[in-house]
C-alpha atoms as a PDB file:
ATOM      1  CA  MET A   1     -57.070-186.939  84.695  1.00  0.00           C
ATOM      2  CA  ALA A   2     -54.558-186.924  87.544  1.00  0.00           C
ATOM      3  CA  LYS A   3     -55.532-183.348  88.373  1.00  0.00           C
ATOM      4  CA  ASP A   4     -59.213-184.289  88.383  1.00  0.00           C
ATOM      5  CA  MET A   5     -58.573-187.201  90.753  1.00  0.00           C
ATOM      6  CA  THR A   6     -56.498-184.998  93.045  1.00  0.00           C
ATOM      7  CA  SER A   7     -59.264-182.392  93.239  1.00  0.00           C
ATOM      8  CA  GLN A   8     -61.775-185.142  93.995  1.00  0.00           C
ATOM      9  CA  VAL A   9     -59.589-186.459  96.828  1.00  0.00           C
ATOM     10  CA  LYS A  10     -59.214-182.951  98.267  1.00  0.00           C
ATOM     11  CA  GLY A  11     -62.959-182.404  97.983  1.00  0.00           C
ATOM     12  CA  GLY A  12     -63.611-185.745  99.686  1.00  0.00           C
ATOM     13  CA  ARG A  13     -61.267-184.864 102.536  1.00  0.00           C
ATOM     14  CA  HIS A  14     -62.970-181.493 102.965  1.00  0.00           C
ATOM     15  CA  PHE A  15     -66.394-183.176 102.941  1.00  0.00           C
ATOM     16  CA  ASN A  16     -65.262-185.736 105.528  1.00  0.00           C
ATOM     17  CA  PHE A  17     -63.828-182.948 107.691  1.00  0.00           C
ATOM     18  CA  CYS A  18     -67.136-181.064 107.598  1.00  0.00           C
ATOM     19  CA  THR A  19     -69.053-184.249 108.387  1.00  0.00           C
ATOM     20  CA  ASN A  20     -66.782-184.961 111.348  1.00  0.00           C
ATOM     21  CA  GLN A  21     -67.304-181.429 112.691  1.00  0.00           C
ATOM     22  CA  ILE A  22     -71.091-181.809 112.398  1.00  0.00           C
ATOM     23  CA  THR A  23     -70.934-185.186 114.156  1.00  0.00           C
ATOM     24  CA  LYS A  24     -68.884-183.714 117.016  1.00  0.00           C
ATOM     25  CA  ILE A  25     -71.518-181.083 117.740  1.00  0.00           C
END
C-alpha cells in the first residue's frame, strides 16, 4: 500500500508540473 501511495504522489506531482507548464504558456 505504501508503494501505491508513493506512486500516486509522484503521479500527482508530475500532473501538477504539466498543468503548471500549460498554464505558463
